[in-house]
Amino acid sequence: MLFNKRRSKIEKIAHEQRKGAPLFTYTKPEANNSERIRMLRTNLEYVHVGEELTSIAVTSSIPGEGKSTVSANLAVSLGATGKKVLLIDTDLRRPTVHKTFQVSNVPGISDLILNPSLPLSDLMCYKEDLKIYILPAGVLPPNPSELLASVNMKKIMGELEKHFDYIIYDVPPINSVTDPQIIASRVDGVILVVRSGYVQKDEVRKSRTALENVEARILGCVLNDVPMDQDDKYYYYKKE
């Protein structure tokens, strides 16, 4: 019974993801979800005091937990404060950022890794209404892990940090592939998205262990999809 319920929810979420993530921080700034994202933004700003926090990876334990929704809305929320923000889709297997922001997926970060001489202006898209820059995934490669682990990618990440206040990396679920660990080991911090009533506790523990194994700095956890009547019982964000 529980298995069938979870399978049904997975199928529903997968169908919704084909359309991209909802940008409620822009379309419904007064909504409860938008306020929660602003709380997350505020907590990150407090973490920033006296500490380096420019690059942030957003991941989850398994697919369908809302990591792309959180990363997109966090980027928009940060952009609304006047910060120079770049959202990069480093899910080189199932990218969704281009769908969310209705831009072309190519060229993108994969193309830049293969050819670092490409002008960034030809790859990035600036969304004037949202006040953020978008760098899509690009051509989907046969070897995403190797591409992300490359020296070229490391150099690109370092160079981008010189030009932006915040860089948000939307990465794949950490229990699915090794890609997220690669990015997590190179950014200033990681946010783990956990969907309530969906992911299992042992899957979340496995995610934390995977991040700790690469000495990633876990900033905290976003508890997603909490029933409204239970919302006040949870911290939306908790710094570890």
Protein backbone atom coordinates (compact mmCIF):
# COMPACT_ATOMS: atom_id res chain seq x y z
CA MET A 1 0.00 0.00 0.00
CA LEU A 2 2.72 2.47 1.00
CA PHE A 3 4.80 1.43 -2.01
CA ASN A 4 1.91 2.10 -4.40
CA LYS A 5 1.22 5.47 -2.75
CA ARG A 6 4.84 6.53 -3.16
CA ARG A 7 4.95 5.28 -6.74
CA SER A 8 1.85 7.31 -7.55
CA LYS A 9 3.40 10.42 -6.03
CA ILE A 10 6.64 9.86 -7.96
CA GLU A 11 4.72 9.65 -11.24
CA LYS A 12 2.75 12.81 -10.43
CA ILE A 13 5.90 14.77 -9.55
CA ALA A 14 7.71 13.51 -12.67
CA HIS A 15 4.82 14.75 -14.81
CA GLU A 16 4.95 18.20 -13.15
CA GLN A 17 8.73 18.41 -13.59
CA ARG A 18 8.41 18.17 -17.37
CA LYS A 19 7.02 21.70 -17.29
CA GLY A 20 9.81 23.08 -15.13
CA ALA A 21 9.65 24.50 -11.61
CA PRO A 22 7.04 27.02 -10.43
CA LEU A 23 8.53 30.48 -9.82
CA PHE A 24 6.19 31.40 -6.98
CA THR A 25 8.64 33.94 -5.50
CA TYR A 26 8.00 36.01 -8.63
CA THR A 27 4.41 35.17 -9.53
CA LYS A 28 3.07 34.94 -5.97
CA PRO A 29 5.42 36.89 -3.69
CA GLU A 30 2.78 37.03 -0.93
CA ALA A 31 2.37 33.23 -0.80
CA ASN A 32 3.53 31.15 2.15
CA ASN A 33 6.11 29.33 -0.01
CA SER A 34 7.62 32.66 -1.07
CA GLU A 35 7.95 33.76 2.54
CA ARG A 36 9.73 30.51 3.37
CA ILE A 37 12.21 31.10 0.57
CA ARG A 38 12.84 34.60 1.91
CA MET A 39 13.51 33.03 5.33
CA LEU A 40 16.01 30.71 3.68
CA ARG A 41 17.63 33.70 1.96
CA THR A 42 17.90 35.55 5.27
CA ASN A 43 19.49 32.56 6.97
CA LEU A 44 22.05 32.33 4.20
CA GLU A 45 22.87 36.00 4.62
CA TYR A 46 23.55 35.40 8.32
CA VAL A 47 25.80 32.46 7.43
CA HIS A 48 27.59 34.81 5.04
CA VAL A 49 28.69 37.13 7.89
CA GLY A 50 32.42 36.62 8.35
CA GLU A 51 32.44 33.54 6.13
CA GLU A 52 32.89 32.88 2.43
CA LEU A 53 29.57 31.99 0.83
CA THR A 54 29.37 32.71 -2.86
CA SER A 55 28.76 29.31 -4.45
CA ILE A 56 25.91 27.09 -3.23
CA ALA A 57 24.84 23.68 -4.49
CA VAL A 58 21.21 22.59 -4.05
CA THR A 59 20.56 18.86 -4.10
CA SER A 60 18.26 16.17 -2.71
CA SER A 61 18.47 12.50 -1.81
CA ILE A 62 16.26 11.18 -4.61
CA PRO A 63 14.43 12.61 -7.64
CA GLY A 64 11.22 14.54 -7.08
CA GLU A 65 12.00 16.29 -3.81
CA GLY A 66 11.90 19.81 -5.23
CA LYS A 67 15.58 20.74 -5.39
CA SER A 68 15.11 22.52 -8.74
CA THR A 69 12.15 24.46 -7.35
CA VAL A 70 14.18 25.56 -4.34
CA SER A 71 17.27 26.48 -6.37
CA ALA A 72 15.27 28.51 -8.93
CA ASN A 73 13.22 30.38 -6.34
CA LEU A 74 16.23 30.99 -4.11
CA ALA A 75 18.08 32.51 -7.07
CA VAL A 76 15.12 34.78 -7.88
CA SER A 77 14.78 35.80 -4.23
CA LEU A 78 18.48 36.67 -4.00
CA GLY A 79 18.27 38.61 -7.26
CA ALA A 80 15.41 40.67 -5.84
CA THR A 81 17.77 42.07 -3.19
CA GLY A 82 20.02 43.61 -5.82
CA LYS A 83 22.67 40.90 -5.67
CA LYS A 84 24.30 39.70 -8.88
CA VAL A 85 23.10 36.09 -9.09
CA LEU A 86 23.87 33.25 -11.50
CA LEU A 87 21.87 30.00 -11.60
CA ILE A 88 23.73 27.12 -13.28
CA ASP A 89 22.08 23.87 -14.32
CA THR A 90 24.69 21.19 -13.60
CA ASP A 91 22.21 18.37 -13.91
CA LEU A 92 23.69 17.14 -17.16
CA ARG A 93 21.37 14.12 -17.23
CA ARG A 94 17.88 15.57 -16.66
CA PRO A 95 18.15 19.38 -16.84
CA THR A 96 15.09 21.47 -15.98
CA VAL A 97 16.35 25.04 -15.55
CA HIS A 98 15.79 25.86 -19.22
CA LYS A 99 12.18 24.71 -18.91
CA THR A 100 11.59 26.76 -15.78
CA PHE A 101 12.91 29.98 -17.34
CA GLN A 102 11.84 29.18 -20.90
CA VAL A 103 15.25 29.53 -22.49
CA SER A 104 17.21 27.29 -24.83
CA ASN A 105 19.19 24.52 -23.17
CA VAL A 106 22.07 24.92 -25.64
CA PRO A 107 24.66 26.16 -25.52
CA GLY A 108 25.42 25.86 -21.81
CA ILE A 109 27.87 24.80 -19.14
CA SER A 110 28.80 21.51 -20.84
CA ASP A 111 29.80 23.40 -23.98
CA LEU A 112 31.89 25.81 -21.92
CA ILE A 113 33.70 22.94 -20.19
CA LEU A 114 34.59 21.43 -23.55
CA ASN A 115 35.56 24.80 -25.00
CA PRO A 116 36.54 27.30 -22.26
CA SER A 117 37.33 29.95 -24.87
CA LEU A 118 33.62 30.41 -25.65
CA PRO A 119 32.40 33.90 -24.63
CA LEU A 120 30.21 33.76 -21.52
CA SER A 121 27.93 36.34 -23.09
CA ASP A 122 27.02 33.76 -25.74
CA LEU A 123 26.12 31.14 -23.13
CA MET A 124 24.40 33.03 -20.33
CA CYS A 125 20.94 34.51 -20.46
CA TYR A 126 19.95 37.51 -18.34
CA LYS A 127 16.31 37.58 -17.23
CA GLU A 128 15.60 41.29 -16.85
CA ASP A 129 12.29 40.80 -15.05
CA LEU A 130 13.82 38.37 -12.54
CA LYS A 131 17.18 40.13 -12.19
CA ILE A 132 19.22 36.91 -12.48
CA TYR A 133 21.58 35.25 -14.95
CA ILE A 134 20.93 31.73 -16.25
CA LEU A 135 23.53 29.26 -17.51
CA PRO A 136 21.73 26.15 -18.82
CA ALA A 137 23.12 22.63 -18.97
CA GLY A 138 24.05 22.65 -22.64
CA VAL A 139 24.48 19.61 -24.85
CA LEU A 140 23.98 16.49 -22.70
CA PRO A 141 27.28 14.57 -22.68
CA PRO A 142 27.79 10.79 -22.46
CA ASN A 143 30.19 11.30 -19.52
CA PRO A 144 28.72 14.00 -17.21
CA SER A 145 30.71 12.95 -14.12
CA GLU A 146 34.03 13.16 -15.94
CA LEU A 147 33.08 16.51 -17.42
CA LEU A 148 32.15 18.03 -14.05
CA ALA A 149 35.28 16.60 -12.41
CA SER A 150 37.54 18.09 -15.08
CA VAL A 151 40.17 20.74 -14.51
CA ASN A 152 38.30 22.99 -16.95
CA MET A 153 35.19 22.89 -14.77
CA LYS A 154 37.17 23.72 -11.65
CA LYS A 155 38.73 26.72 -13.40
CA ILE A 156 35.35 27.89 -14.69
CA MET A 157 33.84 27.74 -11.21
CA GLY A 158 36.69 29.77 -9.78
CA GLU A 159 36.48 32.38 -12.53
CA LEU A 160 32.71 32.81 -12.20
CA GLU A 161 33.02 33.50 -8.49
CA LYS A 162 34.95 36.66 -9.33
CA HIS A 163 31.96 38.13 -11.14
CA PHE A 164 28.90 37.17 -9.07
CA ASP A 165 27.68 37.69 -5.52
CA TYR A 166 25.93 34.33 -5.53
CA ILE A 167 26.17 31.29 -7.79
CA ILE A 168 23.49 28.64 -7.31
CA TYR A 169 24.22 25.18 -8.73
CA ASP A 170 21.22 22.98 -9.43
CA VAL A 171 22.73 19.48 -9.18
CA PRO A 172 21.23 15.97 -9.51
CA PRO A 173 19.99 13.97 -6.49
CA ILE A 174 23.03 12.88 -4.53
CA ASN A 175 22.03 9.23 -4.08
CA SER A 176 21.54 8.74 -7.81
CA VAL A 177 24.92 9.61 -9.34
CA THR A 178 28.37 10.88 -8.34
CA ASP A 179 27.97 14.28 -10.05
CA PRO A 180 26.61 16.10 -6.97
CA GLN A 181 29.56 15.03 -4.81
CA ILE A 182 31.96 16.55 -7.33
CA ILE A 183 30.22 19.92 -7.26
CA ALA A 184 29.59 19.74 -3.50
CA SER A 185 33.29 19.34 -2.83
CA ARG A 186 34.07 22.56 -4.72
CA VAL A 187 31.34 24.98 -3.59
CA ASP A 188 31.17 27.04 -0.40
CA GLY A 189 28.10 25.21 0.88
CA VAL A 190 25.34 22.70 0.14
CA ILE A 191 21.60 22.80 0.81
CA LEU A 192 19.80 19.46 1.01
CA VAL A 193 16.12 19.46 0.03
CA VAL A 194 13.96 16.87 1.81
CA ARG A 195 10.37 16.22 0.72
CA SER A 196 8.15 15.42 3.69
CA GLY A 197 6.31 12.10 3.56
CA TYR A 198 8.20 11.06 0.45
CA VAL A 199 11.88 10.32 1.06
CA GLN A 200 12.95 7.67 3.58
CA LYS A 201 15.09 8.49 6.61
CA ASP A 202 17.83 6.07 5.56
CA GLU A 203 18.00 7.80 2.16
CA VAL A 204 18.55 11.16 3.86
CA ARG A 205 21.23 9.64 6.13
CA LYS A 206 22.92 8.20 3.06
CA SER A 207 22.91 11.68 1.46
CA ARG A 208 24.50 13.27 4.48
CA THR A 209 27.18 10.59 4.57
CA ALA A 210 27.90 11.10 0.85
CA LEU A 211 28.36 14.83 1.43
CA GLU A 212 30.52 14.31 4.49
CA ASN A 213 32.70 11.85 2.56
CA VAL A 214 33.78 14.66 0.21
CA GLU A 215 34.06 17.13 3.11
CA ALA A 216 31.23 19.26 1.76
CA ARG A 217 29.97 22.06 3.97
CA ILE A 218 26.31 21.25 4.68
CA LEU A 219 24.56 24.56 5.26
CA GLY A 220 21.28 23.00 6.24
CA CYS A 221 18.12 21.28 5.12
CA VAL A 222 14.97 22.56 3.44
CA LEU A 223 11.91 20.54 4.44
CA ASN A 224 9.61 20.64 1.44
CA ASP A 225 5.93 19.83 0.97
CA VAL A 226 5.00 20.02 4.66
CA PRO A 227 1.21 19.92 5.19
CA MET A 228 -0.12 23.37 6.06
CA ASP A 229 -1.49 22.23 9.43
CA GLN A 230 1.99 21.03 10.40
CA ASP A 231 3.96 23.90 8.92
CA ASP A 232 4.51 25.76 12.19
CA LYS A 233 5.92 22.62 13.82
CA TYR A 234 8.96 22.55 11.56
CA TYR A 235 11.98 24.74 10.90
CA TYR A 236 12.09 25.41 7.17
CA TYR A 237 15.82 25.77 7.38
CA LYS A 238 18.25 24.46 9.94
CA LYS A 239 21.94 25.26 10.00
CA GLU A 240 24.01 22.22 10.90
